[in-house]
Structure formats: C-alpha cells, structure tokens
Amino acid sequence: MTSTTESAEEAIERLKQGDLTLKVITLETSVKTEDDFECAKLEELVDCLLSCPNVVTHLWLNNNRLPDKIGVKVAHFVRDSATIKVVGLSHNRFGDATHLAMASVLHVNTSLERLYMHECQASSYSRIDCAFISALRLNPRNTESSRWIIHIWNQGDDLPTLKQAAESLGPVSMLEWLRHCDRT
C-alpha cells in the first residue's frame, strides 16, 4: 500500500484496520459545499485519527469549509500525536476556538514542525497571538524547519515574530510552569 491517500473513505478504512503505512492524508477541497454529509465524513476521519494518533505525519485539510467543531478535534489529535509533523488547515471556517485550541495543545506537542491555519475566520488575532506566544514560552521550537502561518499567507511565517515575542518576555516563572503542569 502507498503511504499517501487523497480519499477520506480510504483513510478511514486504513486507520480502522490499523494500517501503520499511512503517513500522508491530503484532502484539500474535499468539502465543496456546506453539505453535512461531506463534513461528517471528515469528522469521522478526525475521530479515527484520534483513536490512532501515532500513524499519520502529514495532514492536509485545506479548503474544506470545516467548522470549529472539527478544528478543535484536529487540535486534540495534534496534542495526542507524537508523529504529526505537518498540519494544513487553511481556508476553512475555523474561528478563534480552533486557533486557541491549537495554541493550547502546542504547550505539550513537540513533533509538529509546520502549521498552516491562515485565511480562516478567526477575529481575535491579538488573543490568538498571545496563546501561541504562551505555547512557545513553555515549549520552545528550535528547529530551522519549523514554520507557522497562522494569519495571512502573503505575510509569511508567523513563527519568528511569535518566537521573538516569547523570548522578549524572559524565562518562564515558577508560577507559569506550575499552571502549565496543572493543565497538562
């Protein structure tokens, strides 16, 4: 079997069978309308990912009109996965809830290198930035290959700016660390 699929049905079946060779799921523009059936299929896929979090390394769900309900579940998958390296969620209907959930799970996830969440429907950008800065303070990213595009594609990588802001705040205090430990 190939390590890649572009079919939600195939990905679901392979994950249910425990296929450890599935590494890349590319389902861009799978949901062409706001059809509940199409969204339900992708929600079922995310549920399968949650039950098998350490298989897939690349998840591309761009341009699917997905709501926050599914976006938050993707964030939970990222939290639980030790293998996920790339997540593409741009051009969906994700609002602040998905962005804040993703920032929250990045307090603990160490495998994710690239995150694409630009051109969604978030509105509280300063609050979202603060959440990602908090994640970077408690779980710094040092790899050169890391890239986070959270807001607008043509503005480029948001990670260096967020990382600089996190570093400018100085070391994490004991109180911050204890609060972090209580949440994890």
N, C-alpha and C. Protein backbone atom coordinates (compact mmCIF):
# COMPACT_ATOMS: atom_id res chain seq x y z
N MET A 1 0.83 -1.19 0.00
CA MET A 1 0.00 0.00 0.00
C MET A 1 0.87 1.25 0.00
N THR A 2 0.34 2.29 -0.61
CA THR A 2 1.05 3.56 -0.65
C THR A 2 0.96 4.27 0.70
N SER A 3 1.87 5.16 0.97
CA SER A 3 1.87 5.87 2.25
C SER A 3 0.97 7.10 2.23
N THR A 4 0.36 7.39 1.08
CA THR A 4 -0.46 8.59 0.90
C THR A 4 -1.85 8.23 0.43
N THR A 5 -2.84 9.04 0.86
CA THR A 5 -4.18 8.88 0.32
C THR A 5 -4.81 10.25 0.11
N GLU A 6 -5.68 10.34 -0.88
CA GLU A 6 -6.46 11.54 -1.15
C GLU A 6 -7.94 11.24 -1.04
N SER A 7 -8.28 10.18 -0.31
CA SER A 7 -9.67 9.76 -0.15
C SER A 7 -9.98 9.63 1.34
N ALA A 8 -11.04 10.32 1.78
CA ALA A 8 -11.45 10.21 3.18
C ALA A 8 -11.85 8.78 3.50
N GLU A 9 -12.59 8.16 2.59
CA GLU A 9 -13.04 6.79 2.83
C GLU A 9 -11.87 5.82 2.99
N GLU A 10 -10.87 5.97 2.11
CA GLU A 10 -9.70 5.10 2.18
C GLU A 10 -8.92 5.34 3.48
N ALA A 11 -8.75 6.60 3.84
CA ALA A 11 -8.02 6.91 5.08
C ALA A 11 -8.74 6.33 6.29
N ILE A 12 -10.05 6.48 6.34
CA ILE A 12 -10.84 5.94 7.45
C ILE A 12 -10.67 4.43 7.53
N GLU A 13 -10.82 3.76 6.41
CA GLU A 13 -10.70 2.30 6.37
C GLU A 13 -9.31 1.84 6.81
N ARG A 14 -8.29 2.50 6.31
CA ARG A 14 -6.92 2.10 6.64
C ARG A 14 -6.63 2.34 8.13
N LEU A 15 -7.11 3.44 8.67
CA LEU A 15 -6.89 3.70 10.10
C LEU A 15 -7.65 2.70 10.96
N LYS A 16 -8.87 2.36 10.55
CA LYS A 16 -9.66 1.38 11.30
C LYS A 16 -8.99 0.01 11.28
N GLN A 17 -8.29 -0.30 10.18
CA GLN A 17 -7.58 -1.58 10.07
C GLN A 17 -6.22 -1.56 10.76
N GLY A 18 -5.82 -0.39 11.28
CA GLY A 18 -4.53 -0.28 11.96
C GLY A 18 -3.35 -0.25 11.01
N ASP A 19 -3.57 0.27 9.80
CA ASP A 19 -2.51 0.34 8.79
C ASP A 19 -1.47 1.38 9.19
N LEU A 20 -0.29 0.92 9.58
CA LEU A 20 0.77 1.80 10.04
C LEU A 20 1.56 2.42 8.89
N THR A 21 1.25 2.05 7.64
CA THR A 21 1.97 2.61 6.49
C THR A 21 1.37 3.92 6.01
N LEU A 22 0.18 4.29 6.48
CA LEU A 22 -0.46 5.54 6.07
C LEU A 22 0.21 6.71 6.77
N LYS A 23 0.89 7.55 6.03
CA LYS A 23 1.63 8.67 6.61
C LYS A 23 1.09 10.03 6.20
N VAL A 24 0.53 10.14 4.99
CA VAL A 24 0.10 11.43 4.47
C VAL A 24 -1.35 11.35 4.04
N ILE A 25 -2.17 12.25 4.59
CA ILE A 25 -3.57 12.37 4.18
C ILE A 25 -3.75 13.75 3.56
N THR A 26 -4.13 13.78 2.29
CA THR A 26 -4.33 15.03 1.57
C THR A 26 -5.77 15.09 1.10
N LEU A 27 -6.56 15.87 1.81
CA LEU A 27 -7.98 16.03 1.48
C LEU A 27 -8.29 17.51 1.35
N GLU A 28 -7.69 18.12 0.37
CA GLU A 28 -7.91 19.54 0.13
C GLU A 28 -9.08 19.71 -0.83
N THR A 29 -9.98 20.59 -0.47
CA THR A 29 -11.19 20.87 -1.23
C THR A 29 -12.05 19.62 -1.37
N SER A 30 -12.12 18.83 -0.31
CA SER A 30 -12.99 17.66 -0.30
C SER A 30 -14.44 18.07 -0.06
N VAL A 31 -14.63 19.13 0.72
CA VAL A 31 -15.97 19.62 1.01
C VAL A 31 -16.21 20.82 0.12
N LYS A 32 -16.98 20.61 -0.93
CA LYS A 32 -17.21 21.67 -1.91
C LYS A 32 -18.40 22.55 -1.55
N THR A 33 -19.28 22.03 -0.73
CA THR A 33 -20.43 22.80 -0.25
C THR A 33 -20.49 22.65 1.26
N GLU A 34 -21.43 23.28 1.87
CA GLU A 34 -21.59 23.13 3.31
C GLU A 34 -22.48 21.94 3.61
N ASP A 35 -22.31 20.90 2.84
CA ASP A 35 -23.08 19.66 2.96
C ASP A 35 -22.68 18.92 4.23
N ASP A 36 -23.68 18.62 5.05
CA ASP A 36 -23.41 17.93 6.32
C ASP A 36 -22.76 16.56 6.11
N PHE A 37 -23.11 15.87 5.02
CA PHE A 37 -22.55 14.54 4.77
C PHE A 37 -21.05 14.64 4.53
N GLU A 38 -20.61 15.60 3.72
CA GLU A 38 -19.19 15.74 3.44
C GLU A 38 -18.41 16.10 4.70
N CYS A 39 -18.94 17.03 5.50
CA CYS A 39 -18.28 17.39 6.77
C CYS A 39 -18.28 16.20 7.72
N ALA A 40 -19.35 15.44 7.74
CA ALA A 40 -19.44 14.28 8.64
C ALA A 40 -18.36 13.26 8.29
N LYS A 41 -18.06 13.09 7.01
CA LYS A 41 -17.02 12.15 6.58
C LYS A 41 -15.65 12.60 7.12
N LEU A 42 -15.37 13.89 7.03
CA LEU A 42 -14.10 14.38 7.54
C LEU A 42 -14.06 14.36 9.07
N GLU A 43 -15.20 14.56 9.71
CA GLU A 43 -15.24 14.43 11.17
C GLU A 43 -14.98 12.99 11.58
N GLU A 44 -15.52 12.04 10.83
CA GLU A 44 -15.25 10.62 11.10
C GLU A 44 -13.76 10.32 10.93
N LEU A 45 -13.15 10.92 9.92
CA LEU A 45 -11.71 10.74 9.72
C LEU A 45 -10.93 11.26 10.93
N VAL A 46 -11.28 12.45 11.40
CA VAL A 46 -10.57 13.02 12.55
C VAL A 46 -10.78 12.14 13.79
N ASP A 47 -11.98 11.59 13.96
CA ASP A 47 -12.22 10.66 15.06
C ASP A 47 -11.30 9.43 14.95
N CYS A 48 -11.10 8.94 13.73
CA CYS A 48 -10.18 7.81 13.52
C CYS A 48 -8.75 8.21 13.85
N LEU A 49 -8.37 9.42 13.48
CA LEU A 49 -7.03 9.90 13.81
C LEU A 49 -6.85 9.97 15.32
N LEU A 50 -7.89 10.39 16.02
CA LEU A 50 -7.82 10.45 17.49
C LEU A 50 -7.63 9.06 18.11
N SER A 51 -8.19 8.04 17.47
CA SER A 51 -8.04 6.68 18.01
C SER A 51 -6.71 6.05 17.59
N CYS A 52 -6.05 6.60 16.57
CA CYS A 52 -4.73 6.12 16.11
C CYS A 52 -3.81 7.33 15.93
N PRO A 53 -3.44 8.02 17.01
CA PRO A 53 -2.74 9.30 16.85
C PRO A 53 -1.30 9.21 16.36
N ASN A 54 -0.67 8.07 16.44
CA ASN A 54 0.75 7.99 16.11
C ASN A 54 1.04 7.27 14.80
N VAL A 55 0.24 7.53 13.80
CA VAL A 55 0.44 6.93 12.48
C VAL A 55 0.77 8.02 11.46
N VAL A 56 -0.11 8.96 11.28
CA VAL A 56 0.00 9.98 10.23
C VAL A 56 1.04 11.04 10.60
N THR A 57 1.83 11.45 9.61
CA THR A 57 2.83 12.51 9.81
C THR A 57 2.43 13.82 9.14
N HIS A 58 1.61 13.76 8.11
CA HIS A 58 1.18 14.95 7.37
C HIS A 58 -0.33 14.89 7.17
N LEU A 59 -1.03 15.95 7.60
CA LEU A 59 -2.48 16.03 7.45
C LEU A 59 -2.83 17.33 6.75
N TRP A 60 -3.39 17.21 5.56
CA TRP A 60 -3.77 18.38 4.77
C TRP A 60 -5.29 18.42 4.64
N LEU A 61 -5.91 19.38 5.30
CA LEU A 61 -7.37 19.55 5.25
C LEU A 61 -7.74 20.97 4.82
N ASN A 62 -6.96 21.56 3.95
CA ASN A 62 -7.20 22.93 3.49
C ASN A 62 -8.44 23.01 2.61
N ASN A 63 -9.07 24.18 2.60
CA ASN A 63 -10.18 24.49 1.67
C ASN A 63 -11.36 23.55 1.80
N ASN A 64 -11.76 23.24 3.01
CA ASN A 64 -12.86 22.29 3.20
C ASN A 64 -14.08 22.85 3.91
N ARG A 65 -14.09 24.13 4.22
CA ARG A 65 -15.24 24.75 4.89
C ARG A 65 -15.55 24.09 6.23
N LEU A 66 -14.53 23.59 6.89
CA LEU A 66 -14.73 22.88 8.15
C LEU A 66 -15.02 23.85 9.29
N PRO A 67 -15.94 23.48 10.20
CA PRO A 67 -16.28 24.34 11.34
C PRO A 67 -15.34 24.08 12.52
N ASP A 68 -15.47 24.94 13.54
CA ASP A 68 -14.65 24.81 14.75
C ASP A 68 -14.79 23.45 15.42
N LYS A 69 -15.95 22.85 15.36
CA LYS A 69 -16.15 21.53 15.99
C LYS A 69 -15.09 20.54 15.50
N ILE A 70 -14.83 20.54 14.20
CA ILE A 70 -13.82 19.63 13.64
C ILE A 70 -12.42 20.16 13.90
N GLY A 71 -12.24 21.46 13.82
CA GLY A 71 -10.93 22.05 14.07
C GLY A 71 -10.41 21.77 15.47
N VAL A 72 -11.28 21.84 16.45
CA VAL A 72 -10.88 21.55 17.83
C VAL A 72 -10.50 20.08 17.96
N LYS A 73 -11.22 19.21 17.25
CA LYS A 73 -10.85 17.78 17.28
C LYS A 73 -9.48 17.55 16.64
N VAL A 74 -9.18 18.29 15.57
CA VAL A 74 -7.85 18.18 14.95
C VAL A 74 -6.79 18.61 15.97
N ALA A 75 -7.07 19.67 16.71
CA ALA A 75 -6.13 20.12 17.75
C ALA A 75 -5.90 19.01 18.78
N HIS A 76 -6.96 18.32 19.18
CA HIS A 76 -6.81 17.21 20.14
C HIS A 76 -5.96 16.10 19.55
N PHE A 77 -6.12 15.84 18.25
CA PHE A 77 -5.27 14.85 17.59
C PHE A 77 -3.81 15.28 17.66
N VAL A 78 -3.53 16.55 17.38
CA VAL A 78 -2.15 17.05 17.43
C VAL A 78 -1.59 16.89 18.84
N ARG A 79 -2.42 17.17 19.84
CA ARG A 79 -1.99 17.01 21.24
C ARG A 79 -1.56 15.58 21.52
N ASP A 80 -2.32 14.62 21.00
CA ASP A 80 -2.08 13.21 21.31
C ASP A 80 -1.02 12.55 20.43
N SER A 81 -0.66 13.21 19.33
CA SER A 81 0.25 12.59 18.37
C SER A 81 1.72 12.92 18.65
N ALA A 82 2.54 11.90 18.57
CA ALA A 82 3.99 12.09 18.67
C ALA A 82 4.64 12.03 17.30
N THR A 83 3.83 11.80 16.25
CA THR A 83 4.38 11.64 14.90
C THR A 83 4.00 12.76 13.95
N ILE A 84 2.96 13.53 14.25
CA ILE A 84 2.49 14.55 13.30
C ILE A 84 3.55 15.64 13.13
N LYS A 85 3.89 15.94 11.89
CA LYS A 85 4.89 16.95 11.58
C LYS A 85 4.30 18.16 10.87
N VAL A 86 3.27 17.92 10.04
CA VAL A 86 2.69 18.99 9.23
C VAL A 86 1.17 18.92 9.30
N VAL A 87 0.54 20.07 9.57
CA VAL A 87 -0.92 20.16 9.56
C VAL A 87 -1.31 21.38 8.73
N GLY A 88 -2.12 21.15 7.70
CA GLY A 88 -2.63 22.21 6.85
C GLY A 88 -4.13 22.37 7.07
N LEU A 89 -4.52 23.51 7.63
CA LEU A 89 -5.93 23.76 7.94
C LEU A 89 -6.42 25.09 7.36
N SER A 90 -5.70 25.64 6.42
CA SER A 90 -6.05 26.97 5.92
C SER A 90 -7.34 26.96 5.10
N HIS A 91 -7.91 28.14 4.98
CA HIS A 91 -9.12 28.35 4.18
C HIS A 91 -10.28 27.46 4.63
N ASN A 92 -10.50 27.41 5.92
CA ASN A 92 -11.66 26.72 6.49
C ASN A 92 -12.50 27.75 7.24
N ARG A 93 -13.54 27.32 7.91
CA ARG A 93 -14.40 28.23 8.67
C ARG A 93 -13.99 28.27 10.14
N PHE A 94 -12.75 27.96 10.44
CA PHE A 94 -12.29 27.94 11.81
C PHE A 94 -12.24 29.36 12.37
N GLY A 95 -12.78 29.51 13.56
CA GLY A 95 -12.73 30.78 14.26
C GLY A 95 -11.70 30.73 15.37
N ASP A 96 -11.93 31.58 16.35
CA ASP A 96 -10.99 31.67 17.47
C ASP A 96 -10.86 30.35 18.22
N ALA A 97 -11.94 29.59 18.35
CA ALA A 97 -11.92 28.35 19.14
C ALA A 97 -10.86 27.38 18.62
N THR A 98 -10.79 27.18 17.32
CA THR A 98 -9.80 26.25 16.75
C THR A 98 -8.39 26.79 16.94
N HIS A 99 -8.20 28.07 16.68
CA HIS A 99 -6.86 28.66 16.83
C HIS A 99 -6.39 28.57 18.28
N LEU A 100 -7.26 28.88 19.22
CA LEU A 100 -6.87 28.81 20.63
C LEU A 100 -6.63 27.38 21.10
N ALA A 101 -7.43 26.45 20.59
CA ALA A 101 -7.22 25.03 20.93
C ALA A 101 -5.87 24.55 20.39
N MET A 102 -5.53 24.96 19.16
CA MET A 102 -4.24 24.55 18.59
C MET A 102 -3.09 25.15 19.39
N ALA A 103 -3.20 26.42 19.76
CA ALA A 103 -2.15 27.04 20.58
C ALA A 103 -2.01 26.30 21.91
N SER A 104 -3.12 25.93 22.50
CA SER A 104 -3.09 25.23 23.78
C SER A 104 -2.38 23.88 23.69
N VAL A 105 -2.64 23.13 22.63
CA VAL A 105 -2.01 21.80 22.53
C VAL A 105 -0.53 21.91 22.20
N LEU A 106 -0.11 23.05 21.65
CA LEU A 106 1.31 23.21 21.35
C LEU A 106 2.14 23.47 22.61
N HIS A 107 1.46 23.59 23.75
CA HIS A 107 2.19 23.61 25.02
C HIS A 107 2.86 22.26 25.26
N VAL A 108 2.28 21.19 24.73
CA VAL A 108 2.78 19.84 25.01
C VAL A 108 3.31 19.11 23.78
N ASN A 109 2.80 19.41 22.60
CA ASN A 109 3.24 18.69 21.41
C ASN A 109 4.65 19.14 21.01
N THR A 110 5.52 18.18 20.74
CA THR A 110 6.89 18.50 20.34
C THR A 110 7.20 18.06 18.91
N SER A 111 6.28 17.37 18.25
CA SER A 111 6.58 16.84 16.92
C SER A 111 6.18 17.78 15.79
N LEU A 112 5.18 18.64 16.00
CA LEU A 112 4.67 19.48 14.91
C LEU A 112 5.70 20.52 14.51
N GLU A 113 6.05 20.52 13.23
CA GLU A 113 7.02 21.48 12.70
C GLU A 113 6.36 22.57 11.86
N ARG A 114 5.33 22.17 11.11
CA ARG A 114 4.69 23.14 10.21
C ARG A 114 3.19 23.16 10.45
N LEU A 115 2.68 24.38 10.61
CA LEU A 115 1.26 24.58 10.86
C LEU A 115 0.76 25.68 9.94
N TYR A 116 -0.27 25.37 9.18
CA TYR A 116 -0.86 26.33 8.26
C TYR A 116 -2.33 26.51 8.64
N MET A 117 -2.66 27.69 9.17
CA MET A 117 -4.03 27.98 9.59
C MET A 117 -4.51 29.32 9.03
N HIS A 118 -3.85 29.81 8.03
CA HIS A 118 -4.16 31.14 7.50
C HIS A 118 -5.48 31.16 6.72
N GLU A 119 -5.99 32.36 6.60
CA GLU A 119 -7.20 32.62 5.82
C GLU A 119 -8.42 31.85 6.35
N CYS A 120 -8.54 31.78 7.65
CA CYS A 120 -9.74 31.21 8.26
C CYS A 120 -10.60 32.37 8.78
N GLN A 121 -11.47 32.12 9.72
CA GLN A 121 -12.39 33.16 10.15
C GLN A 121 -12.15 33.62 11.59
N ALA A 122 -10.93 33.51 12.05
CA ALA A 122 -10.61 33.99 13.39
C ALA A 122 -10.73 35.51 13.42
N SER A 123 -11.01 36.05 14.60
CA SER A 123 -11.17 37.50 14.69
C SER A 123 -10.32 38.13 15.80
N SER A 124 -9.98 37.39 16.82
CA SER A 124 -9.23 37.93 17.96
C SER A 124 -7.74 37.64 17.79
N TYR A 125 -7.13 38.28 16.80
CA TYR A 125 -5.74 37.95 16.47
C TYR A 125 -4.77 38.23 17.62
N SER A 126 -4.97 39.29 18.37
CA SER A 126 -4.04 39.56 19.48
C SER A 126 -4.17 38.48 20.56
N ARG A 127 -5.38 38.03 20.83
CA ARG A 127 -5.59 36.95 21.80
C ARG A 127 -4.96 35.65 21.29
N ILE A 128 -5.13 35.37 20.01
CA ILE A 128 -4.55 34.17 19.41
C ILE A 128 -3.03 34.23 19.46
N ASP A 129 -2.47 35.40 19.11
CA ASP A 129 -1.01 35.55 19.18
C ASP A 129 -0.51 35.31 20.60
N CYS A 130 -1.20 35.85 21.59
CA CYS A 130 -0.80 35.64 22.99
C CYS A 130 -0.82 34.16 23.36
N ALA A 131 -1.80 33.43 22.85
CA ALA A 131 -1.88 31.99 23.15
C ALA A 131 -0.71 31.24 22.51
N PHE A 132 -0.35 31.59 21.27
CA PHE A 132 0.79 30.93 20.63
C PHE A 132 2.11 31.34 21.30
N ILE A 133 2.21 32.59 21.73
CA ILE A 133 3.41 33.03 22.45
C ILE A 133 3.55 32.26 23.75
N SER A 134 2.45 32.06 24.46
CA SER A 134 2.47 31.26 25.68
C SER A 134 2.97 29.84 25.40
N ALA A 135 2.49 29.26 24.31
CA ALA A 135 2.93 27.90 23.94
C ALA A 135 4.43 27.88 23.67
N LEU A 136 4.93 28.90 23.00
CA LEU A 136 6.36 28.95 22.70
C LEU A 136 7.21 29.17 23.95
N ARG A 137 6.68 29.89 24.91
CA ARG A 137 7.43 30.10 26.15
C ARG A 137 7.59 28.80 26.92
N LEU A 138 6.55 27.98 26.90
CA LEU A 138 6.57 26.74 27.69
C LEU A 138 7.12 25.56 26.90
N ASN A 139 7.16 25.69 25.59
CA ASN A 139 7.60 24.59 24.73
C ASN A 139 8.29 25.21 23.51
N PRO A 140 9.50 25.74 23.68
CA PRO A 140 10.17 26.45 22.59
C PRO A 140 10.47 25.56 21.39
N ARG A 141 10.41 26.16 20.22
CA ARG A 141 10.73 25.46 18.97
C ARG A 141 12.11 25.93 18.52
N ASN A 142 13.01 24.99 18.32
CA ASN A 142 14.37 25.36 17.93
C ASN A 142 14.75 24.84 16.55
N THR A 143 13.87 24.15 15.87
CA THR A 143 14.24 23.60 14.57
C THR A 143 14.13 24.66 13.49
N GLU A 144 15.07 24.66 12.59
CA GLU A 144 15.07 25.59 11.48
C GLU A 144 13.94 25.31 10.49
N SER A 145 13.45 24.08 10.47
CA SER A 145 12.41 23.72 9.51
C SER A 145 11.01 24.10 9.97
N SER A 146 10.88 24.55 11.22
CA SER A 146 9.55 24.90 11.74
C SER A 146 9.01 26.14 11.02
N ARG A 147 7.69 26.10 10.79
CA ARG A 147 7.02 27.21 10.13
C ARG A 147 5.56 27.21 10.56
N TRP A 148 5.09 28.36 11.03
CA TRP A 148 3.68 28.50 11.40
C TRP A 148 3.12 29.70 10.65
N ILE A 149 2.17 29.46 9.79
CA ILE A 149 1.47 30.55 9.13
C ILE A 149 0.05 30.52 9.67
N ILE A 150 -0.24 31.47 10.53
CA ILE A 150 -1.48 31.45 11.29
C ILE A 150 -2.50 32.44 10.75
N HIS A 151 -2.04 33.57 10.24
CA HIS A 151 -2.97 34.64 9.88
C HIS A 151 -3.18 34.78 8.37
N ILE A 152 -2.21 35.35 7.69
CA ILE A 152 -2.36 35.66 6.27
C ILE A 152 -1.16 35.11 5.52
N TRP A 153 -1.42 34.37 4.45
CA TRP A 153 -0.36 33.70 3.70
C TRP A 153 0.72 34.65 3.23
N ASN A 154 0.35 35.75 2.60
CA ASN A 154 1.37 36.62 1.99
C ASN A 154 2.17 37.41 3.02
N GLN A 155 1.83 37.33 4.30
CA GLN A 155 2.66 37.94 5.33
C GLN A 155 3.80 37.00 5.74
N GLY A 156 3.72 35.77 5.31
CA GLY A 156 4.80 34.83 5.58
C GLY A 156 4.68 34.13 6.93
N ASP A 157 5.79 33.57 7.34
CA ASP A 157 5.87 32.76 8.55
C ASP A 157 5.67 33.62 9.79
N ASP A 158 4.68 33.25 10.61
CA ASP A 158 4.42 33.97 11.86
C ASP A 158 5.33 33.51 12.99
N LEU A 159 5.95 32.35 12.85
CA LEU A 159 6.73 31.78 13.95
C LEU A 159 7.89 32.68 14.41
N PRO A 160 8.71 33.24 13.53
CA PRO A 160 9.82 34.07 14.04
C PRO A 160 9.35 35.25 14.89
N THR A 161 8.27 35.91 14.48
CA THR A 161 7.74 37.04 15.24
C THR A 161 7.21 36.58 16.59
N LEU A 162 6.46 35.47 16.59
CA LEU A 162 5.92 34.94 17.84
C LEU A 162 7.05 34.48 18.76
N LYS A 163 8.04 33.85 18.18
CA LYS A 163 9.19 33.35 18.96
C LYS A 163 9.96 34.52 19.58
N GLN A 164 10.15 35.57 18.81
CA GLN A 164 10.85 36.75 19.32
C GLN A 164 10.06 37.37 20.48
N ALA A 165 8.75 37.45 20.34
CA ALA A 165 7.92 37.99 21.42
C ALA A 165 8.01 37.11 22.67
N ALA A 166 8.01 35.79 22.48
CA ALA A 166 8.11 34.87 23.61
C ALA A 166 9.46 35.04 24.32
N GLU A 167 10.52 35.16 23.55
CA GLU A 167 11.85 35.31 24.13
C GLU A 167 12.02 36.64 24.84
N SER A 168 11.35 37.68 24.34
CA SER A 168 11.47 39.00 24.96
C SER A 168 10.81 39.05 26.35
N LEU A 169 9.94 38.10 26.64
CA LEU A 169 9.27 38.06 27.94
C LEU A 169 10.14 37.43 29.02
N GLY A 170 11.29 36.91 28.62
CA GLY A 170 12.20 36.34 29.60
C GLY A 170 11.84 34.90 29.94
N PRO A 171 12.55 34.33 30.91
CA PRO A 171 12.30 32.93 31.28
C PRO A 171 10.92 32.74 31.91
N VAL A 172 10.44 31.54 31.82
CA VAL A 172 9.15 31.17 32.39
C VAL A 172 9.27 31.19 33.91
N SER A 173 8.29 31.80 34.57
CA SER A 173 8.31 31.84 36.03
C SER A 173 7.84 30.50 36.59
N MET A 174 8.12 30.29 37.85
CA MET A 174 7.69 29.05 38.50
C MET A 174 6.17 28.96 38.51
N LEU A 175 5.49 30.08 38.74
CA LEU A 175 4.03 30.09 38.74
C LEU A 175 3.47 29.69 37.37
N GLU A 176 4.05 30.25 36.30
CA GLU A 176 3.62 29.87 34.94
C GLU A 176 3.82 28.37 34.71
N TRP A 177 4.95 27.87 35.13
CA TRP A 177 5.25 26.45 34.92
C TRP A 177 4.28 25.57 35.70
N LEU A 178 3.98 25.94 36.94
CA LEU A 178 3.04 25.15 37.74
C LEU A 178 1.64 25.18 37.14
N ARG A 179 1.22 26.33 36.65
CA ARG A 179 -0.09 26.41 35.97
C ARG A 179 -0.09 25.53 34.72
N HIS A 180 0.98 25.55 34.00
CA HIS A 180 1.12 24.71 32.81
C HIS A 180 1.02 23.23 33.20
N CYS A 181 1.69 22.84 34.25
CA CYS A 181 1.67 21.44 34.69
C CYS A 181 0.28 21.03 35.15
N ASP A 182 -0.46 21.94 35.76
CA ASP A 182 -1.83 21.64 36.18
C ASP A 182 -2.74 21.39 34.99
N ARG A 183 -2.49 22.08 33.86
CA ARG A 183 -3.34 21.93 32.67
C ARG A 183 -3.01 20.68 31.87
N THR A 184 -1.81 20.16 32.01
CA THR A 184 -1.42 19.01 31.18
C THR A 184 -1.64 17.71 31.88
